[in-house]
Amino acid sequence: MTEFVSQIKTLPYDEKLVYTMLSDLSNLEQVKDRIPADKIRDVTFDRDSCRFSANPVGEVKITIVDREPFKTIKFMADESPMGLYLWIQLKQTGENDTKMKITAQVDLSPFLKPMLSKPLQEGVDKIADVLAAIRYK
């Protein structure tokens, strides 16, 4: 497994508010327009999963497999050409000050690793940027 980790983002909200919103993926419908259409398209959300088509990976469905209230949301790819695990970590460091980090572990073959590492890291960073820009209210 190859690991990709986002930069730590600071959110000016309480971790409970952030967790409550992110642990129900249907709430992410509001950020659909911020997803770069040249990289990810055909995005759909429901409470527990997200389905999309990504270049150069193909069709992917990610499902929440574990929720640790106010701390962690873990995901696994149900439908993907490669194994994918992703989790969002939250840590409140002060009043209305929550740190967020996204980590992805991807099962890449030695042949695909050089081609996909950069786009996957950019994808994890972009997810963190989009989630950091949400108004959690």
Protein backbone atom coordinates (compact mmCIF):
# COMPACT_ATOMS: atom_id res chain seq x y z
CA MET A 1 0.00 0.00 0.00
CA THR A 2 1.17 3.47 -0.86
CA GLU A 3 0.15 6.24 1.53
CA PHE A 4 -0.86 9.77 0.55
CA VAL A 5 -1.38 12.38 3.28
CA SER A 6 -2.86 15.85 2.91
CA GLN A 7 -1.55 18.93 4.59
CA ILE A 8 -3.24 19.65 7.92
CA LYS A 9 -6.08 22.11 7.41
CA THR A 10 -7.41 24.43 10.09
CA LEU A 11 -11.18 24.81 10.20
CA PRO A 12 -12.75 27.64 12.21
CA TYR A 13 -15.47 25.35 13.57
CA ASP A 14 -16.15 22.97 16.43
CA GLU A 15 -15.11 19.36 15.67
CA LYS A 16 -18.64 18.12 16.45
CA LEU A 17 -20.10 20.38 13.77
CA VAL A 18 -17.49 19.30 11.21
CA TYR A 19 -17.87 15.61 12.06
CA THR A 20 -21.67 15.74 11.92
CA MET A 21 -21.58 17.23 8.45
CA LEU A 22 -18.83 15.01 7.00
CA SER A 23 -20.17 11.76 8.47
CA ASP A 24 -23.29 12.11 6.29
CA LEU A 25 -21.96 12.28 2.74
CA SER A 26 -25.24 13.60 1.36
CA ASN A 27 -24.24 16.91 3.00
CA LEU A 28 -21.40 17.18 0.47
CA GLU A 29 -23.85 17.82 -2.36
CA GLN A 30 -23.22 21.52 -1.67
CA VAL A 31 -19.56 21.26 -2.76
CA LYS A 32 -20.20 19.34 -5.97
CA ASP A 33 -19.55 22.47 -8.05
CA ARG A 34 -16.04 22.84 -6.53
CA ILE A 35 -14.88 19.48 -7.84
CA PRO A 36 -12.67 19.89 -10.94
CA ALA A 37 -14.72 18.43 -13.81
CA ASP A 38 -11.59 17.62 -15.83
CA LYS A 39 -10.44 15.22 -13.07
CA ILE A 40 -13.64 13.92 -11.45
CA ARG A 41 -17.10 13.68 -12.99
CA ASP A 42 -20.49 12.00 -12.51
CA VAL A 43 -20.35 12.54 -8.74
CA THR A 44 -23.25 11.29 -6.63
CA PHE A 45 -23.64 11.20 -2.84
CA ASP A 46 -25.85 9.42 -0.35
CA ARG A 47 -25.55 9.15 3.43
CA ASP A 48 -22.88 6.44 3.42
CA SER A 49 -21.24 6.55 -0.01
CA CYS A 50 -19.91 8.58 -2.89
CA ARG A 51 -19.67 7.41 -6.49
CA PHE A 52 -17.62 9.13 -9.22
CA SER A 53 -15.53 8.66 -12.31
CA ALA A 54 -11.91 9.80 -12.05
CA ASN A 55 -9.17 10.11 -14.66
CA PRO A 56 -7.10 7.98 -15.06
CA VAL A 57 -8.54 5.56 -12.46
CA GLY A 58 -12.09 4.99 -13.78
CA GLU A 59 -15.32 4.33 -11.86
CA VAL A 60 -15.02 4.43 -8.07
CA LYS A 61 -17.49 3.97 -5.22
CA ILE A 62 -16.29 4.89 -1.73
CA THR A 63 -18.30 3.83 1.32
CA ILE A 64 -18.00 4.86 4.97
CA VAL A 65 -16.95 1.76 6.92
CA ASP A 66 -16.38 3.28 10.37
CA ARG A 67 -17.33 6.42 12.24
CA GLU A 68 -15.64 7.38 15.50
CA PRO A 69 -17.73 10.32 16.68
CA PHE A 70 -16.01 13.66 16.40
CA LYS A 71 -12.59 12.12 15.59
CA THR A 72 -12.42 9.87 12.51
CA ILE A 73 -14.42 8.84 9.46
CA LYS A 74 -13.02 5.83 7.57
CA PHE A 75 -13.81 4.91 3.99
CA MET A 76 -13.11 1.96 1.71
CA ALA A 77 -13.51 1.66 -2.05
CA ASP A 78 -16.23 -0.88 -2.82
CA GLU A 79 -15.88 -0.49 -6.55
CA SER A 80 -12.45 0.51 -7.79
CA PRO A 81 -9.75 -0.89 -10.06
CA MET A 82 -7.41 -0.81 -7.03
CA GLY A 83 -7.67 -1.18 -3.24
CA LEU A 84 -8.34 2.17 -1.59
CA TYR A 85 -8.72 3.11 2.07
CA LEU A 86 -9.22 6.71 3.11
CA TRP A 87 -9.83 8.41 6.42
CA ILE A 88 -10.52 11.89 7.68
CA GLN A 89 -9.06 12.77 11.07
CA LEU A 90 -10.35 15.65 13.16
CA LYS A 91 -8.81 17.16 16.30
CA GLN A 92 -10.17 20.17 18.10
CA THR A 93 -7.33 22.37 19.35
CA GLY A 94 -9.38 25.25 20.70
CA GLU A 95 -12.81 26.81 20.63
CA ASN A 96 -13.93 26.87 16.99
CA ASP A 97 -10.50 25.55 15.92
CA THR A 98 -10.38 22.06 14.43
CA LYS A 99 -7.46 20.49 12.58
CA MET A 100 -8.27 18.12 9.72
CA LYS A 101 -6.04 15.67 7.88
CA ILE A 102 -6.89 13.21 5.13
CA THR A 103 -4.92 10.02 4.59
CA ALA A 104 -5.35 7.56 1.71
CA GLN A 105 -3.76 4.16 1.30
CA VAL A 106 -3.85 2.81 -2.24
CA ASP A 107 -2.83 -0.62 -3.46
CA LEU A 108 -0.71 0.33 -6.48
CA SER A 109 1.22 -2.11 -8.60
CA PRO A 110 4.90 -1.24 -9.15
CA PHE A 111 4.01 -0.51 -12.79
CA LEU A 112 1.23 1.99 -11.93
CA LYS A 113 2.89 3.66 -8.95
CA PRO A 114 5.07 6.09 -10.97
CA MET A 115 2.12 7.12 -13.15
CA LEU A 116 -0.52 7.50 -10.44
CA SER A 117 1.36 8.76 -7.37
CA LYS A 118 1.32 12.42 -8.37
CA PRO A 119 -2.38 12.52 -9.42
CA LEU A 120 -3.40 10.63 -6.27
CA GLN A 121 -1.47 13.02 -4.00
CA GLU A 122 -3.03 15.96 -5.83
CA GLY A 123 -6.45 14.33 -5.36
CA VAL A 124 -5.99 13.93 -1.60
CA ASP A 125 -4.81 17.55 -1.36
CA LYS A 126 -7.78 18.77 -3.42
CA ILE A 127 -10.24 16.84 -1.22
CA ALA A 128 -8.69 18.50 1.85
CA ASP A 129 -8.93 21.93 0.21
CA VAL A 130 -12.58 21.45 -0.73
CA LEU A 131 -13.54 20.14 2.73
CA ALA A 132 -11.68 23.03 4.38
CA ALA A 133 -13.65 25.54 2.31
CA ILE A 134 -17.08 24.28 3.42
CA ARG A 135 -19.20 26.49 5.65
CA TYR A 136 -20.04 24.14 8.52
CA LYS A 137 -23.30 25.44 9.92
